[in-house]
Amino acid sequence: MVTIYSTTWCGYCDRLKKQLDRENIAYNEIDIETDPDAAQTVMNANDGNQVVPTVIFTDGTAMTNPGVLEIKQHLAKTV
């Protein structure tokens, strides 16, 4: 499972979630506009910027605006 940090208005976030759904990749979604701690997590992963989608993996690594292929490749390495 991955965690996607997003906003309700982010088109890139919507696209990524649809791709993950198609590939049956489980994810937890957190809206950074309603969760200040989540916003700080995103800023920590992106040199102080609130960039979404930011994906955090269970191994602690992060990707900013990744494609589903990048996520699949990373998950395959960590299994």
PDB file of N, CA and C in Angstrom:
ATOM      1  N   MET A   1       0.841  -1.181   0.000  1.00  0.00           N
ATOM      2  CA  MET A   1       0.000   0.000   0.000  1.00  0.00           C
ATOM      3  C   MET A   1       0.885   1.243   0.000  1.00  0.00           C
ATOM      4  N   VAL A   2       0.386   2.283  -0.649  1.00  0.00           N
ATOM      5  CA  VAL A   2       1.069   3.564  -0.670  1.00  0.00           C
ATOM      6  C   VAL A   2       0.138   4.619  -0.089  1.00  0.00           C
ATOM      7  N   THR A   3       0.705   5.738   0.297  1.00  0.00           N
ATOM      8  CA  THR A   3      -0.087   6.865   0.765  1.00  0.00           C
ATOM      9  C   THR A   3       0.060   7.997  -0.232  1.00  0.00           C
ATOM     10  N   ILE A   4      -1.072   8.509  -0.703  1.00  0.00           N
ATOM     11  CA  ILE A   4      -1.080   9.610  -1.654  1.00  0.00           C
ATOM     12  C   ILE A   4      -1.532  10.864  -0.916  1.00  0.00           C
ATOM     13  N   TYR A   5      -0.688  11.865  -0.946  1.00  0.00           N
ATOM     14  CA  TYR A   5      -1.036  13.170  -0.405  1.00  0.00           C
ATOM     15  C   TYR A   5      -1.552  13.999  -1.569  1.00  0.00           C
ATOM     16  N   SER A   6      -2.759  14.551  -1.410  1.00  0.00           N
ATOM     17  CA  SER A   6      -3.415  15.202  -2.533  1.00  0.00           C
ATOM     18  C   SER A   6      -4.256  16.375  -2.061  1.00  0.00           C
ATOM     19  N   THR A   7      -4.974  16.968  -3.007  1.00  0.00           N
ATOM     20  CA  THR A   7      -6.001  17.967  -2.728  1.00  0.00           C
ATOM     21  C   THR A   7      -7.230  17.581  -3.553  1.00  0.00           C
ATOM     22  N   THR A   8      -8.357  18.167  -3.225  1.00  0.00           N
ATOM     23  CA  THR A   8      -9.592  17.836  -3.942  1.00  0.00           C
ATOM     24  C   THR A   8      -9.595  18.400  -5.361  1.00  0.00           C
ATOM     25  N   TRP A   9      -8.845  19.449  -5.615  1.00  0.00           N
ATOM     26  CA  TRP A   9      -8.862  20.126  -6.913  1.00  0.00           C
ATOM     27  C   TRP A   9      -7.736  19.700  -7.853  1.00  0.00           C
ATOM     28  N   CYS A  10      -6.895  18.789  -7.436  1.00  0.00           N
ATOM     29  CA  CYS A  10      -5.706  18.411  -8.206  1.00  0.00           C
ATOM     30  C   CYS A  10      -6.037  17.378  -9.290  1.00  0.00           C
ATOM     31  N   GLY A  11      -5.942  17.800 -10.545  1.00  0.00           N
ATOM     32  CA  GLY A  11      -6.195  16.896 -11.666  1.00  0.00           C
ATOM     33  C   GLY A  11      -5.176  15.775 -11.763  1.00  0.00           C
ATOM     34  N   TYR A  12      -3.917  16.066 -11.450  1.00  0.00           N
ATOM     35  CA  TYR A  12      -2.877  15.031 -11.482  1.00  0.00           C
ATOM     36  C   TYR A  12      -3.162  13.964 -10.419  1.00  0.00           C
ATOM     37  N   CYS A  13      -3.687  14.397  -9.281  1.00  0.00           N
ATOM     38  CA  CYS A  13      -4.040  13.453  -8.213  1.00  0.00           C
ATOM     39  C   CYS A  13      -5.161  12.536  -8.670  1.00  0.00           C
ATOM     40  N   ASP A  14      -6.187  13.113  -9.280  1.00  0.00           N
ATOM     41  CA  ASP A  14      -7.303  12.312  -9.783  1.00  0.00           C
ATOM     42  C   ASP A  14      -6.829  11.288 -10.805  1.00  0.00           C
ATOM     43  N   ARG A  15      -5.988  11.723 -11.721  1.00  0.00           N
ATOM     44  CA  ARG A  15      -5.475  10.819 -12.754  1.00  0.00           C
ATOM     45  C   ARG A  15      -4.706   9.662 -12.122  1.00  0.00           C
ATOM     46  N   LEU A  16      -3.826   9.986 -11.168  1.00  0.00           N
ATOM     47  CA  LEU A  16      -3.025   8.939 -10.535  1.00  0.00           C
ATOM     48  C   LEU A  16      -3.911   7.947  -9.784  1.00  0.00           C
ATOM     49  N   LYS A  17      -4.909   8.432  -9.068  1.00  0.00           N
ATOM     50  CA  LYS A  17      -5.800   7.526  -8.327  1.00  0.00           C
ATOM     51  C   LYS A  17      -6.560   6.599  -9.281  1.00  0.00           C
ATOM     52  N   LYS A  18      -7.007   7.114 -10.399  1.00  0.00           N
ATOM     53  CA  LYS A  18      -7.684   6.276 -11.393  1.00  0.00           C
ATOM     54  C   LYS A  18      -6.742   5.205 -11.941  1.00  0.00           C
ATOM     55  N   GLN A  19      -5.500   5.581 -12.197  1.00  0.00           N
ATOM     56  CA  GLN A  19      -4.522   4.610 -12.694  1.00  0.00           C
ATOM     57  C   GLN A  19      -4.253   3.536 -11.648  1.00  0.00           C
ATOM     58  N   LEU A  20      -4.108   3.932 -10.398  1.00  0.00           N
ATOM     59  CA  LEU A  20      -3.869   2.953  -9.334  1.00  0.00           C
ATOM     60  C   LEU A  20      -5.059   2.024  -9.166  1.00  0.00           C
ATOM     61  N   ASP A  21      -6.264   2.580  -9.263  1.00  0.00           N
ATOM     62  CA  ASP A  21      -7.466   1.750  -9.192  1.00  0.00           C
ATOM     63  C   ASP A  21      -7.480   0.717 -10.319  1.00  0.00           C
ATOM     64  N   ARG A  22      -7.143   1.151 -11.530  1.00  0.00           N
ATOM     65  CA  ARG A  22      -7.102   0.236 -12.682  1.00  0.00           C
ATOM     66  C   ARG A  22      -6.092  -0.888 -12.484  1.00  0.00           C
ATOM     67  N   GLU A  23      -4.976  -0.558 -11.815  1.00  0.00           N
ATOM     68  CA  GLU A  23      -3.918  -1.549 -11.602  1.00  0.00           C
ATOM     69  C   GLU A  23      -4.089  -2.321 -10.291  1.00  0.00           C
ATOM     70  N   ASN A  24      -5.193  -2.061  -9.585  1.00  0.00           N
ATOM     71  CA  ASN A  24      -5.466  -2.713  -8.294  1.00  0.00           C
ATOM     72  C   ASN A  24      -4.350  -2.506  -7.276  1.00  0.00           C
ATOM     73  N   ILE A  25      -3.819  -1.290  -7.234  1.00  0.00           N
ATOM     74  CA  ILE A  25      -2.802  -0.934  -6.246  1.00  0.00           C
ATOM     75  C   ILE A  25      -3.506  -0.171  -5.127  1.00  0.00           C
ATOM     76  N   ALA A  26      -3.423  -0.729  -3.930  1.00  0.00           N
ATOM     77  CA  ALA A  26      -4.095  -0.127  -2.782  1.00  0.00           C
ATOM     78  C   ALA A  26      -3.375   1.146  -2.347  1.00  0.00           C
ATOM     79  N   TYR A  27      -4.171   2.140  -1.951  1.00  0.00           N
ATOM     80  CA  TYR A  27      -3.593   3.393  -1.470  1.00  0.00           C
ATOM     81  C   TYR A  27      -4.482   4.011  -0.413  1.00  0.00           C
ATOM     82  N   ASN A  28      -3.837   4.798   0.415  1.00  0.00           N
ATOM     83  CA  ASN A  28      -4.511   5.608   1.410  1.00  0.00           C
ATOM     84  C   ASN A  28      -4.349   7.054   0.939  1.00  0.00           C
ATOM     85  N   GLU A  29      -5.438   7.810   0.917  1.00  0.00           N
ATOM     86  CA  GLU A  29      -5.381   9.192   0.439  1.00  0.00           C
ATOM     87  C   GLU A  29      -5.535  10.159   1.602  1.00  0.00           C
ATOM     88  N   ILE A  30      -4.676  11.183   1.631  1.00  0.00           N
ATOM     89  CA  ILE A  30      -4.742  12.206   2.658  1.00  0.00           C
ATOM     90  C   ILE A  30      -4.757  13.573   1.977  1.00  0.00           C
ATOM     91  N   ASP A  31      -5.745  14.378   2.325  1.00  0.00           N
ATOM     92  CA  ASP A  31      -5.906  15.723   1.768  1.00  0.00           C
ATOM     93  C   ASP A  31      -5.057  16.695   2.588  1.00  0.00           C
ATOM     94  N   ILE A  32      -4.056  17.299   1.959  1.00  0.00           N
ATOM     95  CA  ILE A  32      -3.152  18.186   2.693  1.00  0.00           C
ATOM     96  C   ILE A  32      -3.808  19.504   3.086  1.00  0.00           C
ATOM     97  N   GLU A  33      -4.948  19.818   2.498  1.00  0.00           N
ATOM     98  CA  GLU A  33      -5.627  21.061   2.847  1.00  0.00           C
ATOM     99  C   GLU A  33      -6.462  20.935   4.121  1.00  0.00           C
ATOM    100  N   THR A  34      -6.738  19.718   4.525  1.00  0.00           N
ATOM    101  CA  THR A  34      -7.520  19.514   5.744  1.00  0.00           C
ATOM    102  C   THR A  34      -6.690  18.921   6.879  1.00  0.00           C
ATOM    103  N   ASP A  35      -5.451  18.560   6.591  1.00  0.00           N
ATOM    104  CA  ASP A  35      -4.589  17.934   7.593  1.00  0.00           C
ATOM    105  C   ASP A  35      -3.236  18.657   7.630  1.00  0.00           C
ATOM    106  N   PRO A  36      -3.021  19.554   8.595  1.00  0.00           N
ATOM    107  CA  PRO A  36      -1.764  20.312   8.660  1.00  0.00           C
ATOM    108  C   PRO A  36      -0.527  19.425   8.778  1.00  0.00           C
ATOM    109  N   ASP A  37      -0.644  18.302   9.482  1.00  0.00           N
ATOM    110  CA  ASP A  37       0.496  17.386   9.594  1.00  0.00           C
ATOM    111  C   ASP A  37       0.846  16.791   8.241  1.00  0.00           C
ATOM    112  N   ALA A  38      -0.173  16.497   7.440  1.00  0.00           N
ATOM    113  CA  ALA A  38       0.056  15.951   6.103  1.00  0.00           C
ATOM    114  C   ALA A  38       0.730  16.997   5.216  1.00  0.00           C
ATOM    115  N   ALA A  39       0.298  18.237   5.333  1.00  0.00           N
ATOM    116  CA  ALA A  39       0.929  19.305   4.556  1.00  0.00           C
ATOM    117  C   ALA A  39       2.409  19.412   4.912  1.00  0.00           C
ATOM    118  N   GLN A  40       2.727  19.265   6.178  1.00  0.00           N
ATOM    119  CA  GLN A  40       4.131  19.323   6.594  1.00  0.00           C
ATOM    120  C   GLN A  40       4.913  18.124   6.065  1.00  0.00           C
ATOM    121  N   THR A  41       4.294  16.956   6.041  1.00  0.00           N
ATOM    122  CA  THR A  41       4.944  15.764   5.484  1.00  0.00           C
ATOM    123  C   THR A  41       5.305  15.995   4.024  1.00  0.00           C
ATOM    124  N   VAL A  42       4.368  16.560   3.271  1.00  0.00           N
ATOM    125  CA  VAL A  42       4.605  16.849   1.856  1.00  0.00           C
ATOM    126  C   VAL A  42       5.727  17.879   1.704  1.00  0.00           C
ATOM    127  N   MET A  43       5.718  18.900   2.535  1.00  0.00           N
ATOM    128  CA  MET A  43       6.768  19.909   2.469  1.00  0.00           C
ATOM    129  C   MET A  43       8.134  19.303   2.787  1.00  0.00           C
ATOM    130  N   ASN A  44       8.183  18.397   3.757  1.00  0.00           N
ATOM    131  CA  ASN A  44       9.443  17.729   4.094  1.00  0.00           C
ATOM    132  C   ASN A  44       9.972  16.904   2.928  1.00  0.00           C
ATOM    133  N   ALA A  45       9.076  16.298   2.177  1.00  0.00           N
ATOM    134  CA  ALA A  45       9.479  15.453   1.045  1.00  0.00           C
ATOM    135  C   ALA A  45       9.836  16.262  -0.203  1.00  0.00           C
ATOM    136  N   ASN A  46       9.434  17.540  -0.233  1.00  0.00           N
ATOM    137  CA  ASN A  46       9.588  18.344  -1.449  1.00  0.00           C
ATOM    138  C   ASN A  46      10.296  19.673  -1.207  1.00  0.00           C
ATOM    139  N   ASP A  47      11.329  19.645  -0.391  1.00  0.00           N
ATOM    140  CA  ASP A  47      12.152  20.839  -0.160  1.00  0.00           C
ATOM    141  C   ASP A  47      11.330  22.066   0.222  1.00  0.00           C
ATOM    142  N   GLY A  48      10.316  21.869   1.072  1.00  0.00           N
ATOM    143  CA  GLY A  48       9.519  22.978   1.564  1.00  0.00           C
ATOM    144  C   GLY A  48       8.314  23.338   0.722  1.00  0.00           C
ATOM    145  N   ASN A  49       8.102  22.638  -0.384  1.00  0.00           N
ATOM    146  CA  ASN A  49       6.982  22.938  -1.280  1.00  0.00           C
ATOM    147  C   ASN A  49       5.824  21.974  -1.049  1.00  0.00           C
ATOM    148  N   GLN A  50       4.611  22.489  -1.201  1.00  0.00           N
ATOM    149  CA  GLN A  50       3.422  21.651  -1.097  1.00  0.00           C
ATOM    150  C   GLN A  50       3.028  21.196  -2.503  1.00  0.00           C
ATOM    151  N   VAL A  51       3.676  20.137  -2.973  1.00  0.00           N
ATOM    152  CA  VAL A  51       3.455  19.610  -4.313  1.00  0.00           C
ATOM    153  C   VAL A  51       2.654  18.313  -4.207  1.00  0.00           C
ATOM    154  N   VAL A  52       1.561  18.252  -4.965  1.00  0.00           N
ATOM    155  CA  VAL A  52       0.748  17.035  -4.988  1.00  0.00           C
ATOM    156  C   VAL A  52       0.551  16.591  -6.428  1.00  0.00           C
ATOM    157  N   PRO A  53       0.416  15.306  -6.669  1.00  0.00           N
ATOM    158  CA  PRO A  53       0.435  14.250  -5.663  1.00  0.00           C
ATOM    159  C   PRO A  53       1.860  13.920  -5.217  1.00  0.00           C
ATOM    160  N   THR A  54       1.986  13.710  -3.940  1.00  0.00           N
ATOM    161  CA  THR A  54       3.212  13.168  -3.369  1.00  0.00           C
ATOM    162  C   THR A  54       2.840  11.797  -2.834  1.00  0.00           C
ATOM    163  N   VAL A  55       3.633  10.810  -3.203  1.00  0.00           N
ATOM    164  CA  VAL A  55       3.377   9.426  -2.788  1.00  0.00           C
ATOM    165  C   VAL A  55       4.473   9.010  -1.820  1.00  0.00           C
ATOM    166  N   ILE A  56       4.062   8.505  -0.666  1.00  0.00           N
ATOM    167  CA  ILE A  56       4.993   7.992   0.334  1.00  0.00           C
ATOM    168  C   ILE A  56       4.790   6.478   0.421  1.00  0.00           C
ATOM    169  N   PHE A  57       5.904   5.766   0.337  1.00  0.00           N
ATOM    170  CA  PHE A  57       5.880   4.300   0.390  1.00  0.00           C
ATOM    171  C   PHE A  57       6.133   3.821   1.816  1.00  0.00           C
ATOM    172  N   THR A  58       5.813   2.579   2.082  1.00  0.00           N
ATOM    173  CA  THR A  58       5.988   2.026   3.427  1.00  0.00           C
ATOM    174  C   THR A  58       7.454   1.992   3.850  1.00  0.00           C
ATOM    175  N   ASP A  59       8.381   2.028   2.882  1.00  0.00           N
ATOM    176  CA  ASP A  59       9.802   2.055   3.230  1.00  0.00           C
ATOM    177  C   ASP A  59      10.290   3.467   3.545  1.00  0.00           C
ATOM    178  N   GLY A  60       9.378   4.464   3.491  1.00  0.00           N
ATOM    179  CA  GLY A  60       9.728   5.837   3.828  1.00  0.00           C
ATOM    180  C   GLY A  60      10.159   6.695   2.660  1.00  0.00           C
ATOM    181  N   THR A  61      10.336   6.092   1.492  1.00  0.00           N
ATOM    182  CA  THR A  61      10.729   6.879   0.330  1.00  0.00           C
ATOM    183  C   THR A  61       9.512   7.597  -0.243  1.00  0.00           C
ATOM    184  N   ALA A  62       9.793   8.640  -1.024  1.00  0.00           N
ATOM    185  CA  ALA A  62       8.721   9.459  -1.575  1.00  0.00           C
ATOM    186  C   ALA A  62       8.953   9.713  -3.058  1.00  0.00           C
ATOM    187  N   MET A  63       7.854   9.923  -3.780  1.00  0.00           N
ATOM    188  CA  MET A  63       7.882  10.334  -5.181  1.00  0.00           C
ATOM    189  C   MET A  63       6.897  11.485  -5.351  1.00  0.00           C
ATOM    190  N   THR A  64       7.282  12.443  -6.162  1.00  0.00           N
ATOM    191  CA  THR A  64       6.417  13.575  -6.436  1.00  0.00           C
ATOM    192  C   THR A  64       5.884  13.470  -7.857  1.00  0.00           C
ATOM    193  N   ASN A  65       4.575  13.506  -7.971  1.00  0.00           N
ATOM    194  CA  ASN A  65       3.870  13.405  -9.251  1.00  0.00           C
ATOM    195  C   ASN A  65       4.368  12.228 -10.105  1.00  0.00           C
ATOM    196  N   PRO A  66       4.412  11.037  -9.508  1.00  0.00           N
ATOM    197  CA  PRO A  66       4.883   9.881 -10.274  1.00  0.00           C
ATOM    198  C   PRO A  66       3.792   9.337 -11.187  1.00  0.00           C
ATOM    199  N   GLY A  67       4.220   8.564 -12.150  1.00  0.00           N
ATOM    200  CA  GLY A  67       3.294   7.794 -12.965  1.00  0.00           C
ATOM    201  C   GLY A  67       3.067   6.441 -12.326  1.00  0.00           C
ATOM    202  N   VAL A  68       2.029   5.773 -12.751  1.00  0.00           N
ATOM    203  CA  VAL A  68       1.710   4.474 -12.167  1.00  0.00           C
ATOM    204  C   VAL A  68       2.827   3.462 -12.429  1.00  0.00           C
ATOM    205  N   LEU A  69       3.504   3.555 -13.561  1.00  0.00           N
ATOM    206  CA  LEU A  69       4.599   2.638 -13.864  1.00  0.00           C
ATOM    207  C   LEU A  69       5.736   2.801 -12.854  1.00  0.00           C
ATOM    208  N   GLU A  70       6.068   4.040 -12.509  1.00  0.00           N
ATOM    209  CA  GLU A  70       7.117   4.281 -11.510  1.00  0.00           C
ATOM    210  C   GLU A  70       6.725   3.679 -10.162  1.00  0.00           C
ATOM    211  N   ILE A  71       5.476   3.822  -9.807  1.00  0.00           N
ATOM    212  CA  ILE A  71       5.005   3.264  -8.538  1.00  0.00           C
ATOM    213  C   ILE A  71       5.070   1.740  -8.570  1.00  0.00           C
ATOM    214  N   LYS A  72       4.620   1.138  -9.662  1.00  0.00           N
ATOM    215  CA  LYS A  72       4.677  -0.319  -9.779  1.00  0.00           C
ATOM    216  C   LYS A  72       6.118  -0.822  -9.678  1.00  0.00           C
ATOM    217  N   GLN A  73       7.034  -0.149 -10.342  1.00  0.00           N
ATOM    218  CA  GLN A  73       8.442  -0.552 -10.303  1.00  0.00           C
ATOM    219  C   GLN A  73       8.998  -0.457  -8.888  1.00  0.00           C
ATOM    220  N   HIS A  74       8.667   0.620  -8.205  1.00  0.00           N
ATOM    221  CA  HIS A  74       9.160   0.775  -6.829  1.00  0.00           C
ATOM    222  C   HIS A  74       8.573  -0.301  -5.921  1.00  0.00           C
ATOM    223  N   LEU A  75       7.295  -0.560  -6.046  1.00  0.00           N
ATOM    224  CA  LEU A  75       6.662  -1.589  -5.222  1.00  0.00           C
ATOM    225  C   LEU A  75       7.251  -2.968  -5.500  1.00  0.00           C
ATOM    226  N   ALA A  76       7.597  -3.239  -6.736  1.00  0.00           N
ATOM    227  CA  ALA A  76       8.184  -4.538  -7.082  1.00  0.00           C
ATOM    228  C   ALA A  76       9.552  -4.720  -6.429  1.00  0.00           C
ATOM    229  N   LYS A  77      10.288  -3.628  -6.255  1.00  0.00           N
ATOM    230  CA  LYS A  77      11.607  -3.683  -5.622  1.00  0.00           C
ATOM    231  C   LYS A  77      11.521  -3.881  -4.118  1.00  0.00           C
ATOM    232  N   THR A  78      10.433  -3.425  -3.517  1.00  0.00           N
ATOM    233  CA  THR A  78      10.337  -3.464  -2.064  1.00  0.00           C
ATOM    234  C   THR A  78       9.610  -4.696  -1.537  1.00  0.00           C
ATOM    235  N   VAL A  79       9.143  -5.563  -2.434  1.00  0.00           N
ATOM    236  CA  VAL A  79       8.415  -6.766  -1.988  1.00  0.00           C
ATOM    237  C   VAL A  79       9.384  -7.864  -1.648  1.00  0.00           C
TER     238      VAL A  79
END
